[in-house]
C-alpha atoms as a PDB file:
ATOM      1  CA  MET A   1      13.740  -0.244   4.325  1.00  0.00           C
ATOM      2  CA  ALA A   2      11.130   0.302   2.176  1.00  0.00           C
ATOM      3  CA  ASP A   3      11.725   0.817  -1.778  1.00  0.00           C
ATOM      4  CA  LYS A   4       8.739   0.749  -2.943  1.00  0.00           C
ATOM      5  CA  ARG A   5       4.671   1.194  -2.240  1.00  0.00           C
ATOM      6  CA  ALA A   6       1.897  -0.268  -3.648  1.00  0.00           C
ATOM      7  CA  HIS A   7      -1.615   1.604  -3.834  1.00  0.00           C
ATOM      8  CA  ILE A   8      -4.395  -0.785  -4.963  1.00  0.00           C
ATOM      9  CA  PHE A   9      -8.231  -0.212  -4.827  1.00  0.00           C
ATOM     10  CA  TYR A  10      -9.835  -4.025  -4.572  1.00  0.00           C
ATOM     11  CA  SER A  11     -13.367  -4.327  -6.597  1.00  0.00           C
ATOM     12  CA  GLY A  12     -16.034  -6.766  -6.320  1.00  0.00           C
ATOM     13  CA  HIS A  13     -17.614  -8.588  -2.916  1.00  0.00           C
ATOM     14  CA  VAL A  14     -15.005  -7.507  -1.052  1.00  0.00           C
ATOM     15  CA  GLN A  15     -16.950  -5.700   1.968  1.00  0.00           C
ATOM     16  CA  GLY A  16     -18.455  -7.855   4.808  1.00  0.00           C
ATOM     17  CA  ILE A  17     -16.090 -10.732   4.450  1.00  0.00           C
ATOM     18  CA  GLY A  18     -13.084 -10.171   6.398  1.00  0.00           C
ATOM     19  CA  PHE A  19     -10.978  -8.683   3.839  1.00  0.00           C
ATOM     20  CA  ARG A  20      -9.394  -5.944   5.950  1.00  0.00           C
ATOM     21  CA  TYR A  21      -8.635  -8.212   8.608  1.00  0.00           C
ATOM     22  CA  THR A  22      -7.188 -10.527   6.737  1.00  0.00           C
ATOM     23  CA  ALA A  23      -4.794  -8.503   4.484  1.00  0.00           C
ATOM     24  CA  GLN A  24      -3.574  -6.380   8.008  1.00  0.00           C
ATOM     25  CA  ASP A  25      -3.022 -10.131   9.104  1.00  0.00           C
ATOM     26  CA  ILE A  26      -0.698 -11.013   6.095  1.00  0.00           C
ATOM     27  CA  ALA A  27       1.049  -7.594   5.162  1.00  0.00           C
ATOM     28  CA  MET A  28       1.748  -7.758   9.449  1.00  0.00           C
ATOM     29  CA  GLY A  29       3.394 -11.145   9.346  1.00  0.00           C
ATOM     30  CA  MET A  30       5.908  -9.787   5.800  1.00  0.00           C
ATOM     31  CA  GLY A  31       6.666  -6.590   7.773  1.00  0.00           C
ATOM     32  CA  LEU A  32       4.749  -4.438   5.996  1.00  0.00           C
ATOM     33  CA  ALA A  33       3.887  -1.178   6.904  1.00  0.00           C
ATOM     34  CA  GLY A  34       0.501   1.057   5.546  1.00  0.00           C
ATOM     35  CA  TRP A  35      -3.179   0.471   6.185  1.00  0.00           C
ATOM     36  CA  VAL A  36      -6.480  -1.333   4.378  1.00  0.00           C
ATOM     37  CA  LYS A  37     -10.117   0.483   4.623  1.00  0.00           C
ATOM     38  CA  ASN A  38     -13.225   0.460   3.480  1.00  0.00           C
ATOM     39  CA  LEU A  39     -14.378   2.915   0.020  1.00  0.00           C
ATOM     40  CA  GLU A  40     -17.876   4.046   0.015  1.00  0.00           C
ATOM     41  CA  ASP A  41     -17.963   3.078  -3.501  1.00  0.00           C
ATOM     42  CA  GLY A  42     -17.889  -0.702  -2.116  1.00  0.00           C
ATOM     43  CA  ARG A  43     -14.397  -1.115  -2.945  1.00  0.00           C
ATOM     44  CA  VAL A  44     -11.508  -1.575  -0.782  1.00  0.00           C
ATOM     45  CA  GLU A  45      -7.836   0.723  -0.866  1.00  0.00           C
ATOM     46  CA  ILE A  46      -4.040  -0.642   0.329  1.00  0.00           C
ATOM     47  CA  ILE A  47      -1.423   1.473   1.104  1.00  0.00           C
ATOM     48  CA  ALA A  48       1.776  -0.951   1.276  1.00  0.00           C
ATOM     49  CA  GLU A  49       5.409   0.118   1.851  1.00  0.00           C
ATOM     50  CA  GLY A  50       7.883  -2.170   1.539  1.00  0.00           C
ATOM     51  CA  LYS A  51      10.825  -4.179  -0.702  1.00  0.00           C
ATOM     52  CA  GLU A  52       9.136  -4.354  -3.871  1.00  0.00           C
ATOM     53  CA  GLU A  53       9.445  -9.042  -3.505  1.00  0.00           C
ATOM     54  CA  ASP A  54       7.795  -8.612   0.024  1.00  0.00           C
ATOM     55  CA  LEU A  55       5.092  -6.408  -1.963  1.00  0.00           C
ATOM     56  CA  LYS A  56       4.964  -8.571  -4.943  1.00  0.00           C
ATOM     57  CA  GLU A  57       3.925 -11.724  -2.950  1.00  0.00           C
ATOM     58  CA  PHE A  58       1.871  -9.451  -0.562  1.00  0.00           C
ATOM     59  CA  LEU A  59      -0.554  -8.754  -3.784  1.00  0.00           C
ATOM     60  CA  ASP A  60      -0.138 -13.108  -4.586  1.00  0.00           C
ATOM     61  CA  LYS A  61      -1.013 -14.255  -1.178  1.00  0.00           C
ATOM     62  CA  ILE A  62      -4.392 -11.394  -1.600  1.00  0.00           C
ATOM     63  CA  SER A  63      -4.812 -12.406  -4.887  1.00  0.00           C
ATOM     64  CA  LYS A  64      -4.308 -16.121  -5.089  1.00  0.00           C
ATOM     65  CA  GLY A  65      -5.293 -16.754  -1.667  1.00  0.00           C
ATOM     66  CA  GLN A  66      -9.110 -16.758   0.092  1.00  0.00           C
ATOM     67  CA  LEU A  67      -9.937 -13.576  -0.711  1.00  0.00           C
ATOM     68  CA  GLY A  68      -9.330 -13.937  -4.232  1.00  0.00           C
ATOM     69  CA  ARG A  69     -12.989 -15.395  -5.324  1.00  0.00           C
ATOM     70  CA  TYR A  70     -14.295 -12.009  -3.820  1.00  0.00           C
ATOM     71  CA  ILE A  71     -12.424  -9.749  -6.279  1.00  0.00           C
ATOM     72  CA  THR A  72     -12.916  -8.775  -9.495  1.00  0.00           C
ATOM     73  CA  ASN A  73     -10.933  -6.003  -9.882  1.00  0.00           C
ATOM     74  CA  ALA A  74      -7.369  -4.076  -9.003  1.00  0.00           C
ATOM     75  CA  GLU A  75      -5.737  -0.729  -9.773  1.00  0.00           C
ATOM     76  CA  LEU A  76      -2.409  -1.572  -9.041  1.00  0.00           C
ATOM     77  CA  SER A  77      -0.261   1.553  -9.106  1.00  0.00           C
ATOM     78  CA  TRP A  78       3.872   1.709  -8.137  1.00  0.00           C
ATOM     79  CA  GLU A  79       4.248   4.482  -6.421  1.00  0.00           C
ATOM     80  CA  LYS A  80       8.096   5.990  -4.194  1.00  0.00           C
ATOM     81  CA  PRO A  81       7.911   5.308  -0.548  1.00  0.00           C
ATOM     82  CA  ALA A  82       6.722   8.253   2.433  1.00  0.00           C
ATOM     83  CA  GLY A  83       8.285   6.428   4.704  1.00  0.00           C
ATOM     84  CA  GLU A  84       5.634   7.879   6.957  1.00  0.00           C
ATOM     85  CA  PHE A  85       3.921   4.440   8.232  1.00  0.00           C
ATOM     86  CA  ASP A  86       5.276   2.280  11.992  1.00  0.00           C
ATOM     87  CA  SER A  87       2.623  -0.346  11.136  1.00  0.00           C
ATOM     88  CA  PHE A  88      -0.041  -2.081   9.209  1.00  0.00           C
ATOM     89  CA  GLU A  89      -3.593  -0.623  10.403  1.00  0.00           C
ATOM     90  CA  ILE A  90      -6.671  -0.984   9.345  1.00  0.00           C
ATOM     91  CA  ALA A  91      -7.992   2.340   8.763  1.00  0.00           C
ATOM     92  CA  PHE A  92     -11.704   4.290   9.091  1.00  0.00           C
END
């Protein structure tokens, strides 16, 4: 049962490098739900729901893993989970 929602905007060279697919793979491997999508302004947006400790680990894996070198800024806000997701998808 999800107890938190992380809403993140990543800036930098985050499009065209497999960011969405890598984030989806990490999230699905951790049992998180939500989505990731490219924005027209060049950022990537993620909404992920799960247990707070799992979400923090997910964010660490993104920022400290192979994707981290492409990120120049991350805007994170914690929200209440809505429970509307069954899986983690790439949104368009």
